[in-house]
PDB file of all heavy atoms in Angstrom:
ATOM      1  N   PHE A   1     251.135 152.141 212.637  1.00  0.00           N
ATOM      2  CA  PHE A   1     249.753 151.905 213.078  1.00  0.00           C
ATOM      3  C   PHE A   1     248.905 153.110 212.694  1.00  0.00           C
ATOM      4  O   PHE A   1     249.302 154.258 212.931  1.00  0.00           O
ATOM      5  CB  PHE A   1     249.665 151.693 214.585  1.00  0.00           C
ATOM      6  CG  PHE A   1     248.246 151.718 215.105  1.00  0.00           C
ATOM      7  CD1 PHE A   1     247.437 150.598 214.987  1.00  0.00           C
ATOM      8  CD2 PHE A   1     247.711 152.869 215.663  1.00  0.00           C
ATOM      9  CE1 PHE A   1     246.122 150.627 215.427  1.00  0.00           C
ATOM     10  CE2 PHE A   1     246.396 152.911 216.104  1.00  0.00           C
ATOM     11  CZ  PHE A   1     245.601 151.775 215.988  1.00  0.00           C
ATOM     12  N   ILE A   2     247.747 152.853 212.103  1.00  0.00           N
ATOM     13  CA  ILE A   2     246.791 153.899 211.732  1.00  0.00           C
ATOM     14  C   ILE A   2     245.465 153.611 212.427  1.00  0.00           C
ATOM     15  O   ILE A   2     244.864 152.546 212.233  1.00  0.00           O
ATOM     16  CB  ILE A   2     246.565 153.955 210.205  1.00  0.00           C
ATOM     17  CG1 ILE A   2     247.858 154.355 209.493  1.00  0.00           C
ATOM     18  CG2 ILE A   2     245.437 154.921 209.858  1.00  0.00           C
ATOM     19  CD1 ILE A   2     248.316 155.770 209.755  1.00  0.00           C
ATOM     20  N   GLY A   3     244.996 154.552 213.257  1.00  0.00           N
ATOM     21  CA  GLY A   3     243.717 154.418 213.948  1.00  0.00           C
ATOM     22  C   GLY A   3     242.722 155.443 213.425  1.00  0.00           C
ATOM     23  O   GLY A   3     242.992 156.650 213.457  1.00  0.00           O
ATOM     24  N   ASN A   4     241.598 154.977 212.941  1.00  0.00           N
ATOM     25  CA  ASN A   4     240.576 155.865 212.382  1.00  0.00           C
ATOM     26  C   ASN A   4     239.498 156.183 213.405  1.00  0.00           C
ATOM     27  O   ASN A   4     239.163 155.352 214.260  1.00  0.00           O
ATOM     28  CB  ASN A   4     239.956 155.237 211.131  1.00  0.00           C
ATOM     29  CG  ASN A   4     240.916 155.246 209.956  1.00  0.00           C
ATOM     30  OD1 ASN A   4     241.397 156.301 209.560  1.00  0.00           O
ATOM     31  ND2 ASN A   4     241.213 154.072 209.413  1.00  0.00           N
ATOM     32  N   TYR A   5     238.958 157.377 213.293  1.00  0.00           N
ATOM     33  CA  TYR A   5     237.941 157.861 214.229  1.00  0.00           C
ATOM     34  C   TYR A   5     236.550 157.584 213.671  1.00  0.00           C
ATOM     35  O   TYR A   5     235.911 156.608 214.047  1.00  0.00           O
ATOM     36  CB  TYR A   5     238.161 159.355 214.488  1.00  0.00           C
ATOM     37  CG  TYR A   5     237.272 159.943 215.563  1.00  0.00           C
ATOM     38  CD1 TYR A   5     237.474 159.635 216.903  1.00  0.00           C
ATOM     39  CD2 TYR A   5     236.249 160.819 215.241  1.00  0.00           C
ATOM     40  CE1 TYR A   5     236.674 160.181 217.899  1.00  0.00           C
ATOM     41  CE2 TYR A   5     235.445 161.376 216.233  1.00  0.00           C
ATOM     42  CZ  TYR A   5     235.655 161.053 217.549  1.00  0.00           C
ATOM     43  OH  TYR A   5     234.849 161.599 218.523  1.00  0.00           O
ATOM     44  N   PHE A   6     236.074 158.418 212.757  1.00  0.00           N
ATOM     45  CA  PHE A   6     234.805 158.128 212.085  1.00  0.00           C
ATOM     46  C   PHE A   6     234.962 156.902 211.191  1.00  0.00           C
ATOM     47  O   PHE A   6     236.047 156.640 210.663  1.00  0.00           O
ATOM     48  CB  PHE A   6     234.375 159.305 211.212  1.00  0.00           C
ATOM     49  CG  PHE A   6     233.756 160.452 211.962  1.00  0.00           C
ATOM     50  CD1 PHE A   6     234.506 161.571 212.271  1.00  0.00           C
ATOM     51  CD2 PHE A   6     232.427 160.417 212.352  1.00  0.00           C
ATOM     52  CE1 PHE A   6     233.947 162.636 212.958  1.00  0.00           C
ATOM     53  CE2 PHE A   6     231.854 161.470 213.034  1.00  0.00           C
ATOM     54  CZ  PHE A   6     232.617 162.582 213.343  1.00  0.00           C
ATOM     55  N   PRO A   7     233.890 156.155 210.985  1.00  0.00           N
ATOM     56  CA  PRO A   7     233.936 155.108 209.956  1.00  0.00           C
ATOM     57  C   PRO A   7     234.244 155.733 208.598  1.00  0.00           C
ATOM     58  O   PRO A   7     234.064 156.933 208.394  1.00  0.00           O
ATOM     59  CB  PRO A   7     232.514 154.522 209.988  1.00  0.00           C
ATOM     60  CG  PRO A   7     231.931 154.949 211.287  1.00  0.00           C
ATOM     61  CD  PRO A   7     232.569 156.251 211.636  1.00  0.00           C
ATOM     62  N   HIS A   8     234.720 154.932 207.677  1.00  0.00           N
ATOM     63  CA  HIS A   8     235.043 155.434 206.345  1.00  0.00           C
ATOM     64  C   HIS A   8     233.790 156.070 205.734  1.00  0.00           C
ATOM     65  O   HIS A   8     232.809 155.384 205.429  1.00  0.00           O
ATOM     66  CB  HIS A   8     235.537 154.293 205.454  1.00  0.00           C
ATOM     67  CG  HIS A   8     236.716 153.565 206.025  1.00  0.00           C
ATOM     68  ND1 HIS A   8     237.517 154.084 207.016  1.00  0.00           N
ATOM     69  CD2 HIS A   8     237.237 152.349 205.726  1.00  0.00           C
ATOM     70  CE1 HIS A   8     238.480 153.227 207.308  1.00  0.00           C
ATOM     71  NE2 HIS A   8     238.331 152.161 206.542  1.00  0.00           N
ATOM     72  N   SER A   9     233.829 157.377 205.553  1.00  0.00           N
ATOM     73  CA  SER A   9     232.662 158.104 205.060  1.00  0.00           C
ATOM     74  C   SER A   9     233.054 159.522 204.700  1.00  0.00           C
ATOM     75  O   SER A   9     234.140 159.992 205.065  1.00  0.00           O
ATOM     76  CB  SER A   9     231.540 158.128 206.122  1.00  0.00           C
ATOM     77  OG  SER A   9     232.021 158.671 207.344  1.00  0.00           O
ATOM     78  N   ALA A  10     232.155 160.213 204.001  1.00  0.00           N
ATOM     79  CA  ALA A  10     232.426 161.558 203.476  1.00  0.00           C
ATOM     80  C   ALA A  10     232.103 162.617 204.526  1.00  0.00           C
ATOM     81  O   ALA A  10     231.208 163.447 204.350  1.00  0.00           O
ATOM     82  CB  ALA A  10     231.620 161.788 202.204  1.00  0.00           C
ATOM     83  N   VAL A  11     232.855 162.625 205.631  1.00  0.00           N
ATOM     84  CA  VAL A  11     232.576 163.534 206.740  1.00  0.00           C
ATOM     85  C   VAL A  11     232.654 164.994 206.305  1.00  0.00           C
ATOM     86  O   VAL A  11     231.857 165.829 206.745  1.00  0.00           O
ATOM     87  CB  VAL A  11     233.566 163.271 207.898  1.00  0.00           C
ATOM     88  CG1 VAL A  11     233.411 164.300 209.008  1.00  0.00           C
ATOM     89  CG2 VAL A  11     233.360 161.865 208.454  1.00  0.00           C
ATOM     90  N   LEU A  12     233.577 165.321 205.397  1.00  0.00           N
ATOM     91  CA  LEU A  12     233.829 166.715 205.029  1.00  0.00           C
ATOM     92  C   LEU A  12     233.277 167.077 203.653  1.00  0.00           C
ATOM     93  O   LEU A  12     233.665 168.101 203.087  1.00  0.00           O
ATOM     94  CB  LEU A  12     235.336 166.995 205.061  1.00  0.00           C
ATOM     95  CG  LEU A  12     236.020 166.784 206.411  1.00  0.00           C
ATOM     96  CD1 LEU A  12     237.512 167.077 206.309  1.00  0.00           C
ATOM     97  CD2 LEU A  12     235.383 167.652 207.498  1.00  0.00           C
ATOM     98  N   ASP A  13     232.350 166.305 203.132  1.00  0.00           N
ATOM     99  CA  ASP A  13     231.769 166.591 201.819  1.00  0.00           C
ATOM    100  C   ASP A  13     230.382 167.211 201.986  1.00  0.00           C
ATOM    101  O   ASP A  13     229.417 166.515 202.311  1.00  0.00           O
ATOM    102  CB  ASP A  13     231.661 165.311 201.002  1.00  0.00           C
ATOM    103  CG  ASP A  13     231.205 165.577 199.570  1.00  0.00           C
ATOM    104  OD1 ASP A  13     230.860 166.738 199.256  1.00  0.00           O
ATOM    105  OD2 ASP A  13     231.201 164.621 198.774  1.00  0.00           O
ATOM    106  N   PRO A  14     230.243 168.530 201.783  1.00  0.00           N
ATOM    107  CA  PRO A  14     228.938 169.183 201.985  1.00  0.00           C
ATOM    108  C   PRO A  14     227.901 168.817 200.931  1.00  0.00           C
ATOM    109  O   PRO A  14     226.725 169.146 201.088  1.00  0.00           O
ATOM    110  CB  PRO A  14     229.283 170.672 201.927  1.00  0.00           C
ATOM    111  CG  PRO A  14     230.505 170.750 201.086  1.00  0.00           C
ATOM    112  CD  PRO A  14     231.281 169.499 201.376  1.00  0.00           C
ATOM    113  N   LYS A  15     228.306 168.126 199.870  1.00  0.00           N
ATOM    114  CA  LYS A  15     227.374 167.744 198.809  1.00  0.00           C
ATOM    115  C   LYS A  15     227.072 166.253 198.812  1.00  0.00           C
ATOM    116  O   LYS A  15     226.348 165.767 197.947  1.00  0.00           O
ATOM    117  CB  LYS A  15     227.942 168.149 197.447  1.00  0.00           C
ATOM    118  CG  LYS A  15     228.145 169.650 197.286  1.00  0.00           C
ATOM    119  CD  LYS A  15     228.715 169.979 195.914  1.00  0.00           C
ATOM    120  CE  LYS A  15     228.929 171.483 195.757  1.00  0.00           C
ATOM    121  NZ  LYS A  15     229.523 171.826 194.430  1.00  0.00           N
ATOM    122  N   SER A  16     227.604 165.541 199.767  1.00  0.00           N
ATOM    123  CA  SER A  16     227.432 164.089 199.783  1.00  0.00           C
ATOM    124  C   SER A  16     225.994 163.701 200.103  1.00  0.00           C
ATOM    125  O   SER A  16     225.315 164.342 200.913  1.00  0.00           O
ATOM    126  CB  SER A  16     228.362 163.461 200.820  1.00  0.00           C
ATOM    127  OG  SER A  16     228.130 162.071 200.929  1.00  0.00           O
ATOM    128  N   THR A  17     225.542 162.640 199.467  1.00  0.00           N
ATOM    129  CA  THR A  17     224.233 162.051 199.778  1.00  0.00           C
ATOM    130  C   THR A  17     224.402 160.693 200.457  1.00  0.00           C
ATOM    131  O   THR A  17     223.434 159.977 200.669  1.00  0.00           O
ATOM    132  CB  THR A  17     223.400 161.890 198.504  1.00  0.00           C
ATOM    133  OG1 THR A  17     224.128 161.064 197.565  1.00  0.00           O
ATOM    134  CG2 THR A  17     223.114 163.241 197.870  1.00  0.00           C
ATOM    135  N   GLY A  18     225.650 160.354 200.769  1.00  0.00           N
ATOM    136  CA  GLY A  18     225.915 159.088 201.421  1.00  0.00           C
ATOM    137  C   GLY A  18     225.520 159.101 202.884  1.00  0.00           C
ATOM    138  O   GLY A  18     225.212 160.142 203.473  1.00  0.00           O
ATOM    139  N   VAL A  19     225.571 157.930 203.492  1.00  0.00           N
ATOM    140  CA  VAL A  19     225.163 157.767 204.881  1.00  0.00           C
ATOM    141  C   VAL A  19     226.356 158.042 205.799  1.00  0.00           C
ATOM    142  O   VAL A  19     227.468 157.561 205.561  1.00  0.00           O
ATOM    143  CB  VAL A  19     224.627 156.348 205.133  1.00  0.00           C
ATOM    144  CG1 VAL A  19     224.297 156.152 206.611  1.00  0.00           C
ATOM    145  CG2 VAL A  19     223.399 156.087 204.276  1.00  0.00           C
ATOM    146  N   VAL A  20     226.131 158.821 206.834  1.00  0.00           N
ATOM    147  CA  VAL A  20     227.113 159.036 207.890  1.00  0.00           C
ATOM    148  C   VAL A  20     226.429 158.814 209.230  1.00  0.00           C
ATOM    149  O   VAL A  20     225.193 158.883 209.320  1.00  0.00           O
ATOM    150  CB  VAL A  20     227.723 160.456 207.837  1.00  0.00           C
ATOM    151  CG1 VAL A  20     228.553 160.653 206.585  1.00  0.00           C
ATOM    152  CG2 VAL A  20     226.644 161.518 207.938  1.00  0.00           C
ATOM    153  N   HIS A  21     227.191 158.542 210.254  1.00  0.00           N
ATOM    154  CA  HIS A  21     226.589 158.397 211.572  1.00  0.00           C
ATOM    155  C   HIS A  21     227.583 158.758 212.651  1.00  0.00           C
ATOM    156  O   HIS A  21     228.765 158.963 212.401  1.00  0.00           O
ATOM    157  CB  HIS A  21     226.017 156.990 211.784  1.00  0.00           C
ATOM    158  CG  HIS A  21     227.024 155.882 211.675  1.00  0.00           C
ATOM    159  ND1 HIS A  21     227.189 155.140 210.532  1.00  0.00           N
ATOM    160  CD2 HIS A  21     227.915 155.393 212.569  1.00  0.00           C
ATOM    161  CE1 HIS A  21     228.134 154.229 210.731  1.00  0.00           C
ATOM    162  NE2 HIS A  21     228.593 154.372 211.953  1.00  0.00           N
ATOM    163  N   MET A  22     227.080 158.830 213.872  1.00  0.00           N
ATOM    164  CA  MET A  22     227.893 159.126 215.045  1.00  0.00           C
ATOM    165  C   MET A  22     228.057 157.850 215.866  1.00  0.00           C
ATOM    166  O   MET A  22     227.625 156.763 215.460  1.00  0.00           O
ATOM    167  CB  MET A  22     227.234 160.238 215.864  1.00  0.00           C
ATOM    168  CG  MET A  22     227.074 161.559 215.115  1.00  0.00           C
ATOM    169  SD  MET A  22     228.640 162.374 214.740  1.00  0.00           S
ATOM    170  CE  MET A  22     229.095 162.987 216.368  1.00  0.00           C
ATOM    171  N   ASN A  23     228.664 157.982 217.024  1.00  0.00           N
ATOM    172  CA  ASN A  23     228.881 156.861 217.920  1.00  0.00           C
ATOM    173  C   ASN A  23     227.551 156.290 218.405  1.00  0.00           C
ATOM    174  O   ASN A  23     226.613 157.023 218.688  1.00  0.00           O
ATOM    175  CB  ASN A  23     229.717 157.310 219.119  1.00  0.00           C
ATOM    176  CG  ASN A  23     229.247 158.634 219.687  1.00  0.00           C
ATOM    177  OD1 ASN A  23     229.348 159.657 219.003  1.00  0.00           O
ATOM    178  ND2 ASN A  23     228.745 158.636 220.911  1.00  0.00           N
ATOM    179  N   HIS A  24     227.465 154.978 218.517  1.00  0.00           N
ATOM    180  CA  HIS A  24     226.196 154.373 218.939  1.00  0.00           C
ATOM    181  C   HIS A  24     226.079 154.265 220.456  1.00  0.00           C
ATOM    182  O   HIS A  24     225.128 153.664 220.966  1.00  0.00           O
ATOM    183  CB  HIS A  24     225.979 153.005 218.268  1.00  0.00           C
ATOM    184  CG  HIS A  24     226.971 151.949 218.668  1.00  0.00           C
ATOM    185  ND1 HIS A  24     227.155 150.796 217.948  1.00  0.00           N
ATOM    186  CD2 HIS A  24     227.838 151.872 219.700  1.00  0.00           C
ATOM    187  CE1 HIS A  24     228.084 150.051 218.536  1.00  0.00           C
ATOM    188  NE2 HIS A  24     228.502 150.671 219.595  1.00  0.00           N
ATOM    189  N   SER A  25     227.048 154.852 221.179  1.00  0.00           N
ATOM    190  CA  SER A  25     226.979 154.872 222.635  1.00  0.00           C
ATOM    191  C   SER A  25     227.935 155.939 223.137  1.00  0.00           C
ATOM    192  O   SER A  25     228.962 156.209 222.513  1.00  0.00           O
ATOM    193  CB  SER A  25     227.362 153.511 223.221  1.00  0.00           C
ATOM    194  OG  SER A  25     227.514 153.583 224.626  1.00  0.00           O
TER     195      SER A  25
END
């Protein structure tokens, strides 16, 4: 079983221009 925390996104990329977000509640 694999449980992910953040949605699939470039959390650790300081040069990323993609969209990231936090929890909605």
